[in-house]
Amino acid sequence: MPWTHTADLAAALKANIGKVIIGKEREIELLLAAMLSGGHVLLEDVPGTGKTTLAKSLARSLSCGFARIQFTPDLLPADITGMRIYEQHSGSFSFVKGPAFTNVLLADEINRATPRTQSALLECMEEKQITEGGTTYPLEAPFLVIATQNPVETQGTFPLPEAQLDRFLMKLSLGYPTGEEAVALLERFVCSKPLETLQPVAAAGDVTAAAEAAAHVKVDKDIMGYIAALCEAARDPEKVRLGPSPRAMLALLRACQALAAIRGRAYVIPDDVKELALPVLAHRIVLRGVSYQTNAEAFLTELLGKVAAPTEVAP
């Protein structure tokens, strides 16, 4: 069934994922916004909160390619992108594509792989292509990387460098369920495995069409000025060692367009920017001093209260 409206597609995906994931409607919506804006998502949370399950639920909701890579210290770049193999019968080399040639790629515990292996994702995440042996292979749309990592355990891990963090459009955390959500979770999984029976509700073409529609959501010049002013304020040299890049500004803009489309609007409003500022910008900011390292979200929250937002936006 072809989808003619981005909001309808998003509602169907949210309802389908909701058959597995209890609560977390906001996180699911932001994940969809990242997908429709052509970005990637880093899910950072303690073990057992549903990071991998959320990624699998989205993949199972789509009739498209899915691959999972368990990142380990001995994983090599070729294990992700593919490798050239010598064929004895022909006396030549042929390229065997790796798991990155898919639509939804789950990079599980990404920070357990070495920096060399992590860097294998840089080209495909940013340029939607993989180059090997002088030949460039384009990746099919849509292409979404969902990476997970555990923020608590650091032994045997390799923290993602700032350049790689900047490739992720959003950084999200699911958190623990509330009391009611916990009971509902137990009731749902006590005698069934809903993930195994989840059926697709959309195809890759539906996502591509919805992403194209989201790219045409109107963004008033005052909204653009607000985004620019917010990012400029987040580069305060007295407090900030590394601030939002131009790529971060574009990411925030595209995420706002996607979120507006998901919510059935043809235009972006200031509240979209305020809601997305933390998940899009916080992981891209490195503050000065030891006391600032874990306070990027608090710093951004303070800026949102200081930077003036447009009061009127024409639909």
Protein backbone atom coordinates (compact mmCIF):
# COMPACT_ATOMS: atom_id res chain seq x y z
CA MET A 1 0.00 0.00 0.00
CA PRO A 2 1.64 3.30 -1.10
CA TRP A 3 1.90 6.01 1.52
CA THR A 4 0.87 9.46 0.36
CA HIS A 5 1.50 11.41 3.53
CA THR A 6 4.57 11.51 5.73
CA ALA A 7 2.49 11.82 8.90
CA ASP A 8 0.53 8.67 7.97
CA LEU A 9 3.73 6.72 7.41
CA ALA A 10 5.19 7.91 10.72
CA ALA A 11 1.97 7.06 12.59
CA ALA A 12 1.96 3.54 11.14
CA LEU A 13 5.62 3.00 12.03
CA LYS A 14 5.17 4.35 15.55
CA ALA A 15 2.14 2.11 16.12
CA ASN A 16 3.99 -0.93 14.82
CA ILE A 17 7.13 -0.29 16.87
CA GLY A 18 4.84 0.35 19.85
CA LYS A 19 3.78 -3.30 19.68
CA VAL A 20 7.24 -4.13 21.02
CA ILE A 21 8.55 -1.00 22.77
CA ILE A 22 6.52 0.19 25.76
CA GLY A 23 6.33 3.97 26.03
CA LYS A 24 9.27 5.94 24.60
CA GLU A 25 7.00 7.65 22.05
CA ARG A 26 9.28 10.69 21.91
CA GLU A 27 12.41 8.62 21.28
CA ILE A 28 10.65 6.63 18.55
CA GLU A 29 9.47 9.84 16.91
CA LEU A 30 12.98 11.31 17.00
CA LEU A 31 14.41 8.11 15.52
CA LEU A 32 11.95 8.41 12.63
CA ALA A 33 12.85 12.08 12.20
CA ALA A 34 16.51 11.14 11.91
CA MET A 35 15.71 8.49 9.31
CA LEU A 36 13.57 10.84 7.20
CA SER A 37 16.23 13.56 7.32
CA GLY A 38 18.91 11.17 6.07
CA GLY A 39 20.82 11.09 9.36
CA HIS A 40 22.07 8.44 11.75
CA VAL A 41 21.40 7.79 15.44
CA LEU A 42 23.63 6.92 18.38
CA LEU A 43 21.71 5.16 21.16
CA GLU A 44 23.64 5.50 24.40
CA ASP A 45 22.29 3.87 27.53
CA VAL A 46 22.97 1.21 30.12
CA PRO A 47 22.52 -2.46 29.14
CA GLY A 48 19.04 -3.90 28.91
CA THR A 49 17.06 -0.72 28.24
CA GLY A 50 15.96 -1.76 24.74
CA LYS A 51 18.50 -0.11 22.43
CA THR A 52 18.97 -3.13 20.18
CA THR A 53 15.29 -4.05 20.40
CA LEU A 54 14.29 -0.56 19.20
CA ALA A 55 16.63 -0.80 16.22
CA LYS A 56 15.33 -4.26 15.32
CA SER A 57 11.72 -3.14 15.70
CA LEU A 58 12.25 -0.31 13.22
CA ALA A 59 14.00 -2.63 10.77
CA ARG A 60 11.24 -5.25 11.02
CA SER A 61 8.65 -2.52 10.40
CA LEU A 62 10.21 -1.83 7.01
CA SER A 63 10.40 -4.12 3.97
CA CYS A 64 14.04 -3.35 3.36
CA GLY A 65 17.53 -4.65 4.03
CA PHE A 66 18.78 -5.03 7.58
CA ALA A 67 22.17 -6.07 8.93
CA ARG A 68 23.64 -6.24 12.40
CA ILE A 69 27.33 -6.04 13.24
CA GLN A 70 28.54 -6.92 16.72
CA PHE A 71 31.51 -4.62 17.21
CA THR A 72 34.46 -6.29 18.95
CA PRO A 73 38.17 -5.40 19.29
CA ASP A 74 39.14 -7.94 16.60
CA LEU A 75 36.65 -6.64 14.03
CA LEU A 76 38.34 -5.34 10.85
CA PRO A 77 37.17 -2.62 8.42
CA ALA A 78 36.69 -5.25 5.70
CA ASP A 79 34.25 -7.04 7.99
CA ILE A 80 32.01 -4.00 7.60
CA THR A 81 32.54 -2.72 4.06
CA GLY A 82 33.56 -5.91 2.27
CA MET A 83 36.75 -7.22 0.70
CA ARG A 84 38.33 -8.26 -2.57
CA ILE A 85 38.68 -12.02 -2.96
CA TYR A 86 40.89 -13.82 -5.43
CA GLU A 87 38.98 -16.21 -7.68
CA GLN A 88 41.28 -19.00 -8.74
CA HIS A 89 39.21 -20.18 -11.69
CA SER A 90 39.26 -16.75 -13.35
CA GLY A 91 42.60 -15.53 -12.05
CA SER A 92 41.08 -12.22 -10.98
CA PHE A 93 39.80 -10.45 -7.88
CA SER A 94 36.12 -9.79 -7.18
CA PHE A 95 34.57 -7.58 -4.54
CA VAL A 96 32.34 -9.25 -1.96
CA LYS A 97 30.07 -6.70 -0.33
CA GLY A 98 30.00 -6.45 3.44
CA PRO A 99 27.02 -5.97 5.77
CA ALA A 100 27.16 -2.18 5.32
CA PHE A 101 25.45 -2.68 1.96
CA THR A 102 21.98 -2.59 3.44
CA ASN A 103 19.26 -0.09 4.36
CA VAL A 104 19.25 -0.27 8.16
CA LEU A 105 22.60 -1.10 9.76
CA LEU A 106 22.77 -1.85 13.48
CA ALA A 107 26.27 -1.20 14.83
CA ASP A 108 25.96 -2.88 18.21
CA GLU A 109 28.34 -1.65 20.93
CA ILE A 110 30.23 0.44 18.42
CA ASN A 111 32.79 1.66 20.96
CA ARG A 112 34.17 -1.86 21.46
CA ALA A 113 35.87 -1.79 18.04
CA THR A 114 39.23 -0.11 17.42
CA PRO A 115 39.36 3.39 15.90
CA ARG A 116 40.58 1.90 12.63
CA THR A 117 37.45 -0.21 12.37
CA GLN A 118 35.15 2.57 13.56
CA SER A 119 36.48 4.80 10.78
CA ALA A 120 35.20 2.33 8.18
CA LEU A 121 31.76 3.82 8.79
CA LEU A 122 32.76 7.45 8.13
CA GLU A 123 32.43 7.44 4.35
CA CYS A 124 29.22 5.44 4.18
CA MET A 125 27.55 7.52 6.90
CA GLU A 126 28.40 10.88 5.36
CA GLU A 127 28.48 10.20 1.62
CA LYS A 128 26.26 7.11 1.35
CA GLN A 129 28.95 5.23 -0.52
CA ILE A 130 31.84 2.82 0.01
CA THR A 131 35.16 3.02 -1.81
CA GLU A 132 37.33 -0.08 -2.12
CA GLY A 133 40.26 -0.70 -4.42
CA GLY A 134 39.70 2.56 -6.28
CA THR A 135 36.07 1.75 -7.04
CA THR A 136 33.18 3.60 -5.42
CA TYR A 137 29.96 1.72 -4.70
CA PRO A 138 26.84 3.79 -3.92
CA LEU A 139 24.55 2.62 -1.14
CA GLU A 140 20.84 2.20 -1.72
CA ALA A 141 18.42 4.66 -0.14
CA PRO A 142 17.35 4.79 2.58
CA PHE A 143 20.53 4.17 4.53
CA LEU A 144 20.38 4.47 8.30
CA VAL A 145 23.05 3.57 10.84
CA ILE A 146 21.81 2.94 14.37
CA ALA A 147 24.77 2.54 16.72
CA THR A 148 24.58 1.56 20.37
CA GLN A 149 27.02 1.99 23.20
CA ASN A 150 27.15 1.59 26.97
CA PRO A 151 28.19 4.83 28.74
CA VAL A 152 29.03 3.11 32.03
CA GLU A 153 31.48 0.38 31.06
CA THR A 154 34.74 1.83 29.72
CA GLN A 155 37.18 -1.07 30.10
CA GLY A 156 38.05 -2.53 26.71
CA THR A 157 36.28 0.25 24.81
CA PHE A 158 37.47 2.94 22.42
CA PRO A 159 35.56 6.24 22.84
CA LEU A 160 34.21 7.71 19.62
CA PRO A 161 36.26 10.70 18.45
CA GLU A 162 34.55 14.04 17.89
CA ALA A 163 34.74 13.68 14.09
CA GLN A 164 32.78 10.45 14.26
CA LEU A 165 30.27 11.77 16.78
CA ASP A 166 29.58 14.60 14.35
CA ARG A 167 28.43 11.99 11.80
CA PHE A 168 25.50 11.08 14.03
CA LEU A 169 22.53 13.38 13.53
CA MET A 170 21.14 12.55 16.97
CA LYS A 171 22.23 10.98 20.21
CA LEU A 172 19.35 9.45 22.16
CA SER A 173 18.87 7.65 25.45
CA LEU A 174 15.88 5.44 26.28
CA GLY A 175 16.22 5.36 30.06
CA TYR A 176 14.44 3.08 32.48
CA PRO A 177 10.66 2.53 32.22
CA THR A 178 8.24 4.09 34.66
CA GLY A 179 6.31 1.93 37.11
CA GLU A 180 3.30 1.58 34.81
CA GLU A 181 5.51 0.95 31.77
CA ALA A 182 7.41 -1.73 33.66
CA VAL A 183 4.20 -3.61 34.51
CA ALA A 184 2.98 -3.30 30.91
CA LEU A 185 6.35 -4.59 29.73
CA LEU A 186 6.14 -7.65 31.95
CA GLU A 187 2.57 -8.36 30.85
CA ARG A 188 3.48 -8.08 27.17
CA PHE A 189 6.51 -10.35 27.30
CA VAL A 190 5.37 -12.88 29.91
CA CYS A 191 4.17 -15.42 27.35
CA SER A 192 5.01 -13.96 23.94
CA LYS A 193 7.84 -12.51 21.86
CA PRO A 194 6.25 -9.63 19.92
CA LEU A 195 9.46 -8.77 18.05
CA GLU A 196 9.45 -12.16 16.32
CA THR A 197 5.91 -11.67 14.99
CA LEU A 198 6.29 -8.04 13.95
CA GLN A 199 5.32 -7.47 10.31
CA PRO A 200 6.44 -4.69 7.93
CA VAL A 201 4.08 -1.77 7.41
CA ALA A 202 6.13 0.19 4.83
CA ALA A 203 8.67 -0.36 2.08
CA ALA A 204 11.96 1.35 1.32
CA GLY A 205 10.27 3.38 -1.40
CA ASP A 206 7.77 4.73 1.11
CA VAL A 207 10.59 5.99 3.32
CA THR A 208 12.38 7.57 0.35
CA ALA A 209 9.20 9.34 -0.75
CA ALA A 210 8.50 10.56 2.79
CA ALA A 211 12.07 11.83 3.10
CA GLU A 212 11.68 13.75 -0.14
CA ALA A 213 8.45 15.29 1.13
CA ALA A 214 10.11 16.26 4.42
CA ALA A 215 12.92 18.01 2.53
CA HIS A 216 10.33 20.39 1.06
CA VAL A 217 8.88 21.48 4.41
CA LYS A 218 9.01 25.27 4.56
CA VAL A 219 11.58 26.89 6.82
CA ASP A 220 11.10 30.61 7.38
CA LYS A 221 14.20 32.79 7.21
CA ASP A 222 13.64 33.84 10.83
CA ILE A 223 13.80 30.16 11.83
CA MET A 224 17.07 29.81 9.95
CA GLY A 225 18.36 32.87 11.76
CA TYR A 226 17.31 31.33 15.08
CA ILE A 227 19.20 28.10 14.29
CA ALA A 228 22.28 30.07 13.26
CA ALA A 229 22.16 32.27 16.37
CA LEU A 230 21.76 29.25 18.65
CA CYS A 231 24.74 27.47 17.09
CA GLU A 232 26.83 30.64 17.20
CA ALA A 233 26.05 31.09 20.90
CA ALA A 234 27.06 27.46 21.47
CA ARG A 235 30.56 28.34 20.20
CA ASP A 236 31.29 30.70 23.11
CA PRO A 237 35.13 30.61 23.22
CA GLU A 238 35.21 31.19 26.97
CA LYS A 239 33.20 28.03 27.72
CA VAL A 240 33.41 25.92 24.59
CA ARG A 241 36.41 24.08 23.20
CA LEU A 242 34.49 22.56 20.29
CA GLY A 243 31.13 23.92 19.17
CA PRO A 244 28.49 22.96 16.59
CA SER A 245 29.87 22.82 13.05
CA PRO A 246 28.06 23.92 9.86
CA ARG A 247 27.15 20.25 9.46
CA ALA A 248 25.46 20.44 12.88
CA MET A 249 23.42 23.47 11.76
CA LEU A 250 22.28 21.63 8.63
CA ALA A 251 21.47 18.56 10.71
CA LEU A 252 19.29 20.62 13.04
CA LEU A 253 17.53 22.22 10.08
CA ARG A 254 16.78 18.91 8.37
CA ALA A 255 15.68 17.27 11.60
CA CYS A 256 13.23 20.13 12.20
CA GLN A 257 11.80 19.67 8.71
CA ALA A 258 11.37 15.94 9.28
CA LEU A 259 9.76 16.41 12.70
CA ALA A 260 7.34 18.97 11.29
CA ALA A 261 6.36 16.57 8.48
CA ILE A 262 5.89 13.70 10.95
CA ARG A 263 3.52 15.90 12.95
CA GLY A 264 1.53 16.84 9.86
CA ARG A 265 2.87 20.37 9.35
CA ALA A 266 4.22 21.86 6.14
CA TYR A 267 6.36 24.38 8.00
CA VAL A 268 8.84 24.49 10.89
CA ILE A 269 8.07 26.34 14.11
CA PRO A 270 10.46 27.56 16.85
CA ASP A 271 9.35 24.77 19.20
CA ASP A 272 10.76 22.23 16.72
CA VAL A 273 14.18 23.84 17.08
CA LYS A 274 13.93 23.93 20.88
CA GLU A 275 12.87 20.29 21.07
CA LEU A 276 15.63 19.04 18.79
CA ALA A 277 18.50 21.24 19.97
CA LEU A 278 19.66 18.85 22.70
CA PRO A 279 19.52 15.52 20.81
CA VAL A 280 21.12 17.08 17.71
CA LEU A 281 23.71 19.43 19.21
CA ALA A 282 24.70 18.24 22.70
CA HIS A 283 26.98 15.39 21.59
CA ARG A 284 28.78 17.76 19.23
CA ILE A 285 29.83 20.19 21.98
CA VAL A 286 32.99 19.86 24.07
CA LEU A 287 33.12 22.34 26.94
CA ARG A 288 36.22 23.67 28.63
CA GLY A 289 37.28 22.43 32.04
CA VAL A 290 36.68 19.14 33.80
CA SER A 291 33.44 20.33 35.35
CA TYR A 292 31.95 21.10 31.94
CA GLN A 293 32.59 17.77 30.24
CA THR A 294 29.27 16.20 31.22
CA ASN A 295 27.17 19.36 31.17
CA ALA A 296 26.67 20.03 27.46
CA GLU A 297 22.91 19.51 27.78
CA ALA A 298 22.69 21.93 30.71
CA PHE A 299 24.75 24.44 28.73
CA LEU A 300 22.38 24.17 25.75
CA THR A 301 19.31 24.40 27.97
CA GLU A 302 20.69 27.64 29.37
CA LEU A 303 21.27 28.97 25.84
CA LEU A 304 17.72 28.13 24.81
CA GLY A 305 16.55 30.45 27.56
CA LYS A 306 18.84 33.26 26.38
CA VAL A 307 18.72 33.17 22.57
CA ALA A 308 15.56 34.92 21.39
CA ALA A 309 13.23 32.75 19.32
CA PRO A 310 11.01 34.14 16.53
CA THR A 311 7.59 35.11 17.84
CA GLU A 312 5.70 34.85 14.55
CA VAL A 313 6.34 32.38 11.74
CA ALA A 314 4.25 32.44 8.58
CA PRO A 315 2.89 28.98 7.68
